[in-house]
Amino acid sequence: MSSSSNTYPAALDDEQLLAIFRALKRGRGRELVTDANVDALIGLARFYRQEQLEYLLREWRSACGEDAEAMNFEQFSRQPPAA
């Protein structure tokens, strides 16, 4: 049974994505990260054990530094807090 960390990310065949990943590893190319490619770049960083780059990409994906997609915003009240 293979784990996800031992398999190539699906986007590995995309040369443009790999070029962005290589630029990010050299400290360049931040302007090339988009909502459309950030998850694939995170997968590449995880696969190649680039923990710092993975962390920075996850932080980029979320404006507040947390995984906003995993937040359950429905649980919060829509009423403003009392002063």
N, C-alpha and C. Protein backbone atom coordinates (compact mmCIF):
# COMPACT_ATOMS: atom_id res chain seq x y z
N MET A 1 0.85 -1.17 0.00
CA MET A 1 0.00 0.00 0.00
C MET A 1 0.90 1.23 0.00
N SER A 2 0.71 2.11 -0.99
CA SER A 2 1.56 3.29 -1.06
C SER A 2 0.87 4.47 -0.41
N SER A 3 1.66 5.29 0.24
CA SER A 3 1.10 6.48 0.87
C SER A 3 1.15 7.63 -0.12
N SER A 4 0.36 8.66 0.14
CA SER A 4 0.32 9.80 -0.76
C SER A 4 1.65 10.53 -0.80
N SER A 5 2.46 10.42 0.23
CA SER A 5 3.75 11.10 0.23
C SER A 5 4.76 10.39 -0.67
N ASN A 6 4.46 9.16 -1.10
CA ASN A 6 5.38 8.42 -1.95
C ASN A 6 4.96 8.44 -3.41
N THR A 7 3.90 9.13 -3.75
CA THR A 7 3.45 9.19 -5.14
C THR A 7 3.61 10.61 -5.65
N TYR A 8 3.80 10.71 -6.94
CA TYR A 8 3.94 12.04 -7.54
C TYR A 8 2.62 12.78 -7.51
N PRO A 9 2.65 14.06 -7.29
CA PRO A 9 1.42 14.85 -7.40
C PRO A 9 0.93 14.81 -8.84
N ALA A 10 -0.36 14.92 -9.04
CA ALA A 10 -0.95 14.83 -10.37
C ALA A 10 -0.40 15.89 -11.31
N ALA A 11 -0.04 17.04 -10.79
CA ALA A 11 0.40 18.15 -11.63
C ALA A 11 1.88 18.07 -12.00
N LEU A 12 2.55 16.99 -11.65
CA LEU A 12 3.99 16.91 -11.89
C LEU A 12 4.33 16.98 -13.37
N ASP A 13 3.43 16.56 -14.27
CA ASP A 13 3.70 16.60 -15.70
C ASP A 13 3.63 18.00 -16.28
N ASP A 14 3.10 18.93 -15.57
CA ASP A 14 2.93 20.28 -16.06
C ASP A 14 4.24 21.04 -15.94
N GLU A 15 4.91 21.26 -17.06
CA GLU A 15 6.22 21.92 -17.04
C GLU A 15 6.14 23.35 -16.51
N GLN A 16 5.07 24.05 -16.81
CA GLN A 16 4.93 25.42 -16.32
C GLN A 16 4.86 25.43 -14.79
N LEU A 17 4.12 24.49 -14.22
CA LEU A 17 4.01 24.40 -12.77
C LEU A 17 5.36 24.07 -12.15
N LEU A 18 6.09 23.17 -12.77
CA LEU A 18 7.42 22.83 -12.26
C LEU A 18 8.37 24.03 -12.34
N ALA A 19 8.24 24.82 -13.39
CA ALA A 19 9.08 26.02 -13.52
C ALA A 19 8.77 27.00 -12.40
N ILE A 20 7.49 27.15 -12.06
CA ILE A 20 7.11 28.03 -10.95
C ILE A 20 7.68 27.48 -9.65
N PHE A 21 7.56 26.17 -9.45
CA PHE A 21 8.07 25.54 -8.23
C PHE A 21 9.57 25.75 -8.09
N ARG A 22 10.30 25.56 -9.18
CA ARG A 22 11.76 25.76 -9.13
C ARG A 22 12.10 27.22 -8.82
N ALA A 23 11.34 28.14 -9.41
CA ALA A 23 11.58 29.56 -9.12
C ALA A 23 11.32 29.87 -7.65
N LEU A 24 10.26 29.31 -7.10
CA LEU A 24 9.94 29.53 -5.68
C LEU A 24 11.05 28.99 -4.79
N LYS A 25 11.61 27.85 -5.14
CA LYS A 25 12.71 27.29 -4.35
C LYS A 25 13.92 28.21 -4.36
N ARG A 26 14.09 29.00 -5.42
CA ARG A 26 15.21 29.95 -5.50
C ARG A 26 14.84 31.31 -4.93
N GLY A 27 13.63 31.43 -4.37
CA GLY A 27 13.21 32.69 -3.77
C GLY A 27 12.62 33.67 -4.76
N ARG A 28 12.23 33.17 -5.93
CA ARG A 28 11.64 34.03 -6.97
C ARG A 28 10.27 33.48 -7.34
N GLY A 29 9.55 34.23 -8.18
CA GLY A 29 8.32 33.73 -8.78
C GLY A 29 7.08 33.83 -7.93
N ARG A 30 7.13 34.58 -6.84
CA ARG A 30 5.94 34.67 -5.97
C ARG A 30 4.74 35.24 -6.72
N GLU A 31 4.99 36.10 -7.69
CA GLU A 31 3.90 36.70 -8.44
C GLU A 31 3.20 35.69 -9.36
N LEU A 32 3.79 34.52 -9.55
CA LEU A 32 3.21 33.49 -10.41
C LEU A 32 2.26 32.56 -9.66
N VAL A 33 2.23 32.64 -8.34
CA VAL A 33 1.33 31.80 -7.54
C VAL A 33 -0.08 32.37 -7.65
N THR A 34 -1.03 31.49 -7.98
CA THR A 34 -2.42 31.91 -8.12
C THR A 34 -3.32 30.96 -7.34
N ASP A 35 -4.58 31.34 -7.22
CA ASP A 35 -5.56 30.46 -6.57
C ASP A 35 -5.66 29.14 -7.33
N ALA A 36 -5.46 29.18 -8.64
CA ALA A 36 -5.60 27.98 -9.46
C ALA A 36 -4.44 27.00 -9.31
N ASN A 37 -3.23 27.49 -8.94
CA ASN A 37 -2.09 26.58 -8.89
C ASN A 37 -1.51 26.36 -7.49
N VAL A 38 -2.02 27.06 -6.50
CA VAL A 38 -1.40 26.99 -5.17
C VAL A 38 -1.51 25.59 -4.57
N ASP A 39 -2.62 24.91 -4.76
CA ASP A 39 -2.76 23.56 -4.17
C ASP A 39 -1.78 22.57 -4.81
N ALA A 40 -1.59 22.68 -6.12
CA ALA A 40 -0.63 21.80 -6.79
C ALA A 40 0.79 22.12 -6.33
N LEU A 41 1.09 23.39 -6.13
CA LEU A 41 2.41 23.77 -5.64
C LEU A 41 2.63 23.27 -4.21
N ILE A 42 1.60 23.31 -3.39
CA ILE A 42 1.70 22.76 -2.03
C ILE A 42 1.99 21.27 -2.11
N GLY A 43 1.31 20.57 -3.03
CA GLY A 43 1.57 19.14 -3.21
C GLY A 43 2.99 18.86 -3.63
N LEU A 44 3.53 19.67 -4.53
CA LEU A 44 4.93 19.50 -4.94
C LEU A 44 5.87 19.76 -3.77
N ALA A 45 5.61 20.81 -3.01
CA ALA A 45 6.46 21.11 -1.86
C ALA A 45 6.43 19.97 -0.85
N ARG A 46 5.27 19.39 -0.63
CA ARG A 46 5.16 18.27 0.30
C ARG A 46 5.92 17.06 -0.25
N PHE A 47 5.75 16.77 -1.54
CA PHE A 47 6.41 15.62 -2.15
C PHE A 47 7.94 15.74 -2.06
N TYR A 48 8.47 16.93 -2.33
CA TYR A 48 9.92 17.14 -2.31
C TYR A 48 10.44 17.56 -0.95
N ARG A 49 9.60 17.45 0.05
CA ARG A 49 9.97 17.72 1.45
C ARG A 49 10.55 19.13 1.62
N GLN A 50 9.90 20.09 0.99
CA GLN A 50 10.27 21.49 1.13
C GLN A 50 9.31 22.11 2.15
N GLU A 51 9.53 21.79 3.43
CA GLU A 51 8.59 22.16 4.49
C GLU A 51 8.37 23.66 4.58
N GLN A 52 9.44 24.43 4.49
CA GLN A 52 9.30 25.88 4.61
C GLN A 52 8.48 26.44 3.44
N LEU A 53 8.76 25.97 2.24
CA LEU A 53 8.00 26.42 1.08
C LEU A 53 6.54 25.99 1.18
N GLU A 54 6.30 24.76 1.64
CA GLU A 54 4.93 24.30 1.83
C GLU A 54 4.20 25.20 2.83
N TYR A 55 4.86 25.52 3.91
CA TYR A 55 4.25 26.39 4.93
C TYR A 55 3.92 27.76 4.33
N LEU A 56 4.87 28.34 3.60
CA LEU A 56 4.64 29.66 3.01
C LEU A 56 3.50 29.63 2.00
N LEU A 57 3.41 28.56 1.21
CA LEU A 57 2.32 28.46 0.25
C LEU A 57 0.97 28.30 0.95
N ARG A 58 0.95 27.53 2.04
CA ARG A 58 -0.30 27.40 2.80
C ARG A 58 -0.70 28.74 3.41
N GLU A 59 0.28 29.49 3.88
CA GLU A 59 0.00 30.80 4.43
C GLU A 59 -0.49 31.75 3.34
N TRP A 60 0.09 31.66 2.16
CA TRP A 60 -0.35 32.49 1.04
C TRP A 60 -1.81 32.20 0.70
N ARG A 61 -2.16 30.90 0.73
CA ARG A 61 -3.51 30.48 0.37
C ARG A 61 -4.54 31.07 1.32
N SER A 62 -4.16 31.30 2.54
CA SER A 62 -5.10 31.79 3.54
C SER A 62 -4.65 33.14 4.06
N ALA A 63 -5.49 34.13 3.90
CA ALA A 63 -5.14 35.49 4.32
C ALA A 63 -4.91 35.58 5.83
N CYS A 64 -5.56 34.72 6.60
CA CYS A 64 -5.44 34.81 8.05
C CYS A 64 -4.42 33.82 8.62
N GLY A 65 -3.73 33.08 7.76
CA GLY A 65 -2.72 32.15 8.23
C GLY A 65 -3.27 30.81 8.67
N GLU A 66 -4.55 30.57 8.45
CA GLU A 66 -5.16 29.28 8.75
C GLU A 66 -5.80 28.75 7.48
N ASP A 67 -6.16 27.50 7.46
CA ASP A 67 -6.82 26.91 6.31
C ASP A 67 -8.28 27.36 6.32
N ALA A 68 -8.56 28.42 5.57
CA ALA A 68 -9.90 29.00 5.57
C ALA A 68 -10.94 28.03 5.04
N GLU A 69 -10.54 27.12 4.15
CA GLU A 69 -11.48 26.15 3.60
C GLU A 69 -11.97 25.19 4.68
N ALA A 70 -11.18 24.95 5.69
CA ALA A 70 -11.55 24.02 6.74
C ALA A 70 -12.35 24.67 7.86
N MET A 71 -12.46 25.98 7.83
CA MET A 71 -13.20 26.68 8.88
C MET A 71 -14.70 26.47 8.69
N ASN A 72 -15.41 26.31 9.77
CA ASN A 72 -16.86 26.13 9.74
C ASN A 72 -17.49 27.46 10.13
N PHE A 73 -17.61 28.35 9.17
CA PHE A 73 -18.09 29.69 9.46
C PHE A 73 -19.57 29.72 9.82
N GLU A 74 -20.32 28.69 9.46
CA GLU A 74 -21.75 28.66 9.78
C GLU A 74 -22.01 28.62 11.29
N GLN A 75 -21.03 28.17 12.05
CA GLN A 75 -21.22 28.05 13.50
C GLN A 75 -21.19 29.41 14.20
N PHE A 76 -20.67 30.43 13.54
CA PHE A 76 -20.57 31.74 14.15
C PHE A 76 -21.87 32.53 13.98
N SER A 77 -22.18 33.32 14.95
CA SER A 77 -23.38 34.16 14.93
C SER A 77 -23.19 35.26 13.88
N ARG A 78 -24.29 35.60 13.24
CA ARG A 78 -24.26 36.70 12.27
C ARG A 78 -24.50 38.05 12.94
N GLN A 79 -24.77 38.01 14.22
CA GLN A 79 -25.01 39.26 14.97
C GLN A 79 -23.66 39.84 15.41
N PRO A 80 -23.51 41.14 15.30
CA PRO A 80 -22.26 41.74 15.79
C PRO A 80 -22.17 41.63 17.30
N PRO A 81 -20.97 41.57 17.84
CA PRO A 81 -20.82 41.49 19.29
C PRO A 81 -21.37 42.73 19.97
N ALA A 82 -21.90 42.53 21.16
CA ALA A 82 -22.43 43.67 21.95
C ALA A 82 -21.27 44.52 22.44
N ALA A 83 -21.47 45.81 22.42
CA ALA A 83 -20.41 46.73 22.84
C ALA A 83 -20.31 46.82 24.34
